[in-house]
Amino acid sequence: HNGRIYVKDERAQPTNSFKDRQAALSVMAMKQNGITECVLASTGKAAVAYAAYCARAGIKLWLFITSLTPPEKMREAAIYGCEVIRVSGTYDETKHVAAEFAHRKGIHHDKGAKAVPGKESMKTLAYEIAEQLGTILEDGKKWRAPDWFLQGVSGGLGPIGLAKGFREMYGFGLIEKKPAYGMIQSTGCAPMVEAFSRGQRVATPIETSDSVIVTLATGNPGRAYEILYDYVQENGGHFEAASDEEAFNAIRL
């Protein structure tokens, strides 16, 4: 089985991305805790997912998105009836404005990767991957982690959550090893890649983005990079940048 690449296709989720996992768990947690309003900053995918799930749960969503977010993503989110606020600035500035607004109004602010439901939701991916690979490669006799896990990262929530899942399964003895990680960023905005190439455990923020892939443009990854850097030091891996052209060619492939 050497040299095989398996794709975990998340486009079949209700709003077409892996962010549905995060929205489903986060909105359920809000509902259980009697939260009726929520503030979220997003580059697009989480915006649509949260808009859909909040509408279903009867939670009012204040959505802060950067002016660079594609209009169709904004329309998609607005259809669900949430309040869409466009911020003329970077994603990091948008997050700051959203946090200020939530604090001033006393509204729950969903912090994504910093919140418990975020990491817990993404760990479901690790469990599914191990179970599914086990079915394919081990005839269902045991679970199996991949040699490498590759993902395009912006804020890094996906791989952080998966790391938690792989650690748990390793601790349970369900898998024999944890995968090496390949974190891919866009060359137009790759603070994690640049920090890794310099051997920094803390990323230096990038002010501007030259990538047309807006959903990958997090200039300041903060604590998320440290978590992923530590994972790579412990389990192997690499941070690599790819051009927009390479990304689009890969999608076609």
Protein backbone atom coordinates (compact mmCIF):
# COMPACT_ATOMS: atom_id res chain seq x y z
CA HIS A 1 0.00 0.00 0.00
CA ASN A 2 3.01 2.31 -0.16
CA GLY A 3 2.56 5.55 -2.02
CA ARG A 4 -1.22 5.65 -1.90
CA ILE A 5 -3.02 8.93 -1.26
CA TYR A 6 -6.50 8.85 0.25
CA VAL A 7 -8.71 11.93 0.20
CA LYS A 8 -11.11 12.65 3.07
CA ASP A 9 -13.78 14.51 1.10
CA GLU A 10 -15.72 16.91 3.32
CA ARG A 11 -17.67 18.55 0.49
CA ALA A 12 -20.66 16.29 1.14
CA GLN A 13 -21.33 17.96 4.50
CA PRO A 14 -24.57 20.02 4.77
CA THR A 15 -22.88 23.34 3.91
CA ASN A 16 -20.06 21.76 1.89
CA SER A 17 -17.08 21.95 4.24
CA PHE A 18 -15.48 20.41 7.32
CA LYS A 19 -16.63 23.47 9.29
CA ASP A 20 -20.03 21.80 9.61
CA ARG A 21 -18.49 19.55 12.25
CA GLN A 22 -17.44 22.59 14.27
CA ALA A 23 -20.77 24.40 13.84
CA ALA A 24 -22.82 21.32 14.77
CA LEU A 25 -21.00 20.77 18.06
CA SER A 26 -20.54 24.45 18.95
CA VAL A 27 -24.19 25.34 18.32
CA MET A 28 -25.36 22.31 20.30
CA ALA A 29 -23.15 23.40 23.22
CA MET A 30 -24.63 26.92 23.05
CA LYS A 31 -28.16 25.53 22.98
CA GLN A 32 -27.46 23.32 26.02
CA ASN A 33 -26.10 26.34 27.90
CA GLY A 34 -29.05 28.57 27.08
CA ILE A 35 -27.09 30.91 24.82
CA THR A 36 -29.42 32.73 22.41
CA GLU A 37 -26.96 35.06 20.62
CA CYS A 38 -23.49 34.51 19.22
CA VAL A 39 -20.71 36.53 17.58
CA LEU A 40 -18.38 34.89 15.05
CA ALA A 41 -15.56 36.14 12.83
CA SER A 42 -14.92 34.06 9.72
CA THR A 43 -13.26 34.04 6.32
CA GLY A 44 -16.20 32.21 4.77
CA LYS A 45 -16.66 28.50 5.40
CA ALA A 46 -17.42 28.70 9.13
CA ALA A 47 -19.66 31.69 8.39
CA VAL A 48 -22.01 29.62 6.23
CA ALA A 49 -21.92 26.60 8.56
CA TYR A 50 -22.68 28.63 11.70
CA ALA A 51 -25.39 30.62 9.89
CA ALA A 52 -27.15 27.38 8.94
CA TYR A 53 -26.89 25.68 12.33
CA CYS A 54 -27.76 28.83 14.32
CA ALA A 55 -30.86 29.30 12.14
CA ARG A 56 -31.90 25.72 12.89
CA ALA A 57 -31.29 26.21 16.64
CA GLY A 58 -32.98 29.61 16.85
CA ILE A 59 -29.77 31.40 17.88
CA LYS A 60 -29.16 34.93 16.59
CA LEU A 61 -25.80 35.10 14.84
CA TRP A 62 -23.71 38.24 14.41
CA LEU A 63 -21.30 37.39 11.62
CA PHE A 64 -18.16 39.49 11.13
CA ILE A 65 -16.44 38.87 7.82
CA THR A 66 -13.62 40.58 6.00
CA SER A 67 -14.46 42.63 2.91
CA LEU A 68 -12.26 40.16 0.98
CA THR A 69 -14.70 37.31 1.65
CA PRO A 70 -16.25 36.24 -1.69
CA PRO A 71 -19.72 37.80 -2.23
CA GLU A 72 -21.32 34.38 -2.82
CA LYS A 73 -20.17 33.23 0.65
CA MET A 74 -21.71 36.37 2.18
CA ARG A 75 -24.98 35.81 0.30
CA GLU A 76 -25.05 32.17 1.36
CA ALA A 77 -24.66 33.14 5.02
CA ALA A 78 -27.19 35.99 4.77
CA ILE A 79 -29.86 33.66 3.32
CA TYR A 80 -30.02 31.95 6.73
CA GLY A 81 -31.06 35.22 8.33
CA CYS A 82 -27.97 36.17 10.34
CA GLU A 83 -26.59 39.70 10.74
CA VAL A 84 -23.63 40.09 8.37
CA ILE A 85 -21.10 42.81 9.22
CA ARG A 86 -18.34 43.49 6.71
CA VAL A 87 -15.05 44.80 8.08
CA SER A 88 -12.67 46.58 5.73
CA GLY A 89 -9.47 44.95 6.92
CA THR A 90 -7.64 41.67 7.31
CA TYR A 91 -9.12 38.58 8.94
CA ASP A 92 -7.11 39.31 12.08
CA GLU A 93 -8.51 42.85 12.28
CA THR A 94 -11.99 41.43 11.71
CA LYS A 95 -11.51 39.03 14.65
CA HIS A 96 -10.48 41.99 16.82
CA VAL A 97 -13.58 44.04 15.84
CA ALA A 98 -15.83 41.03 16.51
CA ALA A 99 -14.29 40.48 19.95
CA GLU A 100 -14.77 44.16 20.86
CA PHE A 101 -18.40 44.07 19.71
CA ALA A 102 -19.15 40.89 21.69
CA HIS A 103 -17.52 42.34 24.81
CA ARG A 104 -19.38 45.65 24.54
CA LYS A 105 -22.77 44.01 23.95
CA GLY A 106 -22.21 41.14 26.39
CA ILE A 107 -22.84 38.52 23.69
CA HIS A 108 -21.22 35.06 23.56
CA HIS A 109 -18.15 35.12 21.32
CA ASP A 110 -17.23 31.86 19.58
CA LYS A 111 -13.44 31.64 19.66
CA GLY A 112 -13.05 28.71 17.24
CA ALA A 113 -9.75 26.94 17.88
CA LYS A 114 -9.57 28.34 21.43
CA ALA A 115 -12.97 26.88 22.31
CA VAL A 116 -13.49 23.30 23.48
CA PRO A 117 -16.19 22.35 20.90
CA GLY A 118 -13.88 23.39 18.04
CA LYS A 119 -11.12 20.93 18.88
CA GLU A 120 -13.55 18.20 19.94
CA SER A 121 -15.49 18.49 16.67
CA MET A 122 -12.40 18.16 14.48
CA LYS A 123 -11.13 15.13 16.36
CA THR A 124 -14.06 13.19 14.86
CA LEU A 125 -12.12 13.38 11.58
CA ALA A 126 -9.17 11.52 13.10
CA TYR A 127 -11.41 8.76 14.45
CA GLU A 128 -13.17 8.37 11.10
CA ILE A 129 -9.88 8.31 9.17
CA ALA A 130 -8.39 5.63 11.45
CA GLU A 131 -11.54 3.49 11.31
CA GLN A 132 -11.93 3.86 7.54
CA LEU A 133 -8.24 3.17 6.80
CA GLY A 134 -8.47 0.13 9.05
CA THR A 135 -11.42 -1.13 7.02
CA ILE A 136 -9.51 -0.62 3.74
CA LEU A 137 -6.01 -1.72 4.75
CA GLU A 138 -6.57 -4.12 7.66
CA ASP A 139 -9.83 -5.80 6.55
CA GLY A 140 -11.51 -4.14 9.52
CA LYS A 141 -9.39 -6.14 12.01
CA LYS A 142 -7.94 -3.01 13.61
CA TRP A 143 -7.80 0.75 13.20
CA ARG A 144 -4.97 2.37 11.29
CA ALA A 145 -3.47 5.88 11.28
CA PRO A 146 -2.07 7.20 8.00
CA ASP A 147 1.71 7.67 7.66
CA TRP A 148 1.09 11.34 6.87
CA PHE A 149 -1.86 13.66 7.28
CA LEU A 150 -1.86 16.64 4.90
CA GLN A 151 -4.11 19.69 5.12
CA GLY A 152 -4.21 23.23 3.83
CA VAL A 153 -4.21 25.42 6.95
CA SER A 154 -5.25 28.95 7.78
CA GLY A 155 -6.01 29.14 11.50
CA GLY A 156 -5.03 25.50 11.99
CA LEU A 157 -8.11 24.24 13.86
CA GLY A 158 -8.50 21.13 11.68
CA PRO A 159 -5.09 19.56 12.33
CA ILE A 160 -5.12 20.68 16.00
CA GLY A 161 -8.38 18.79 16.55
CA LEU A 162 -7.13 15.78 14.61
CA ALA A 163 -3.94 15.74 16.71
CA LYS A 164 -6.12 15.45 19.81
CA GLY A 165 -7.97 12.53 18.22
CA PHE A 166 -4.78 10.72 17.18
CA ARG A 167 -3.27 11.23 20.67
CA GLU A 168 -6.37 9.76 22.30
CA MET A 169 -6.48 6.74 19.99
CA TYR A 170 -2.77 6.15 20.51
CA GLY A 171 -3.33 6.32 24.28
CA PHE A 172 -6.19 3.81 24.00
CA GLY A 173 -4.00 1.47 21.95
CA LEU A 174 -6.37 1.74 18.98
CA ILE A 175 -3.56 2.86 16.64
CA GLU A 176 0.13 1.95 16.65
CA LYS A 177 1.52 5.39 15.75
CA LYS A 178 0.53 8.99 15.19
CA PRO A 179 0.89 10.36 11.65
CA ALA A 180 3.49 12.89 10.54
CA TYR A 181 1.85 16.18 9.60
CA GLY A 182 2.14 18.13 6.36
CA MET A 183 0.72 21.64 6.85
CA ILE A 184 0.24 23.50 3.59
CA GLN A 185 -0.19 27.27 3.37
CA SER A 186 -0.58 29.64 0.45
CA THR A 187 2.67 31.36 -0.61
CA GLY A 188 0.74 34.67 -0.48
CA CYS A 189 0.15 34.27 3.26
CA ALA A 190 2.32 31.65 4.96
CA PRO A 191 3.32 32.80 8.46
CA MET A 192 3.54 29.21 9.77
CA VAL A 193 5.79 28.08 6.91
CA GLU A 194 8.09 31.09 7.32
CA ALA A 195 8.35 30.61 11.08
CA PHE A 196 9.05 26.87 10.66
CA SER A 197 11.79 27.50 8.08
CA ARG A 198 13.46 29.86 10.59
CA GLY A 199 13.08 27.32 13.41
CA GLN A 200 10.73 29.61 15.39
CA ARG A 201 8.22 28.11 17.79
CA VAL A 202 6.28 31.40 17.74
CA ALA A 203 5.14 32.76 14.37
CA THR A 204 5.84 36.32 13.25
CA PRO A 205 2.51 37.82 12.07
CA ILE A 206 2.11 38.82 8.41
CA GLU A 207 0.19 42.05 7.78
CA THR A 208 -0.95 41.59 4.17
CA SER A 209 -2.01 38.67 1.99
CA ASP A 210 -1.23 38.18 -1.70
CA SER A 211 -3.29 35.01 -2.04
CA VAL A 212 -6.60 34.93 -3.89
CA ILE A 213 -7.61 32.02 -1.63
CA VAL A 214 -9.12 34.23 1.06
CA THR A 215 -10.07 31.33 3.32
CA LEU A 216 -6.37 30.53 3.83
CA ALA A 217 -5.29 34.06 4.73
CA THR A 218 -4.73 34.09 8.50
CA GLY A 219 -1.75 36.41 8.98
CA ASN A 220 -1.39 35.80 12.71
CA PRO A 221 -1.82 32.12 13.65
CA GLY A 222 -0.89 32.79 17.29
CA ARG A 223 -1.06 29.85 19.70
CA ALA A 224 -2.31 27.48 16.97
CA TYR A 225 1.09 27.46 15.29
CA GLU A 226 2.85 26.61 18.57
CA ILE A 227 0.55 23.60 19.06
CA LEU A 228 1.21 22.38 15.50
CA TYR A 229 4.95 23.11 15.75
CA ASP A 230 5.12 20.98 18.92
CA TYR A 231 3.17 18.19 17.23
CA VAL A 232 5.63 18.13 14.31
CA GLN A 233 8.62 18.12 16.67
CA GLU A 234 7.13 15.14 18.49
CA ASN A 235 5.72 13.11 15.58
CA GLY A 236 7.49 14.36 12.45
CA GLY A 237 6.22 16.50 9.63
CA HIS A 238 6.78 19.68 7.68
CA PHE A 239 5.26 23.08 6.87
CA GLU A 240 5.19 23.83 3.15
CA ALA A 241 3.87 26.67 0.98
CA ALA A 242 2.07 26.17 -2.34
CA SER A 243 1.15 28.81 -4.89
CA ASP A 244 -2.49 29.57 -5.75
CA GLU A 245 -1.85 28.06 -9.19
CA GLU A 246 -0.62 24.79 -7.62
CA ALA A 247 -3.68 24.74 -5.36
CA PHE A 248 -6.12 25.16 -8.25
CA ASN A 249 -4.30 22.52 -10.32
CA ALA A 250 -4.55 20.12 -7.37
CA ILE A 251 -8.31 20.74 -7.12
CA ARG A 252 -8.70 19.87 -10.81
CA LEU A 253 -6.61 16.74 -10.33
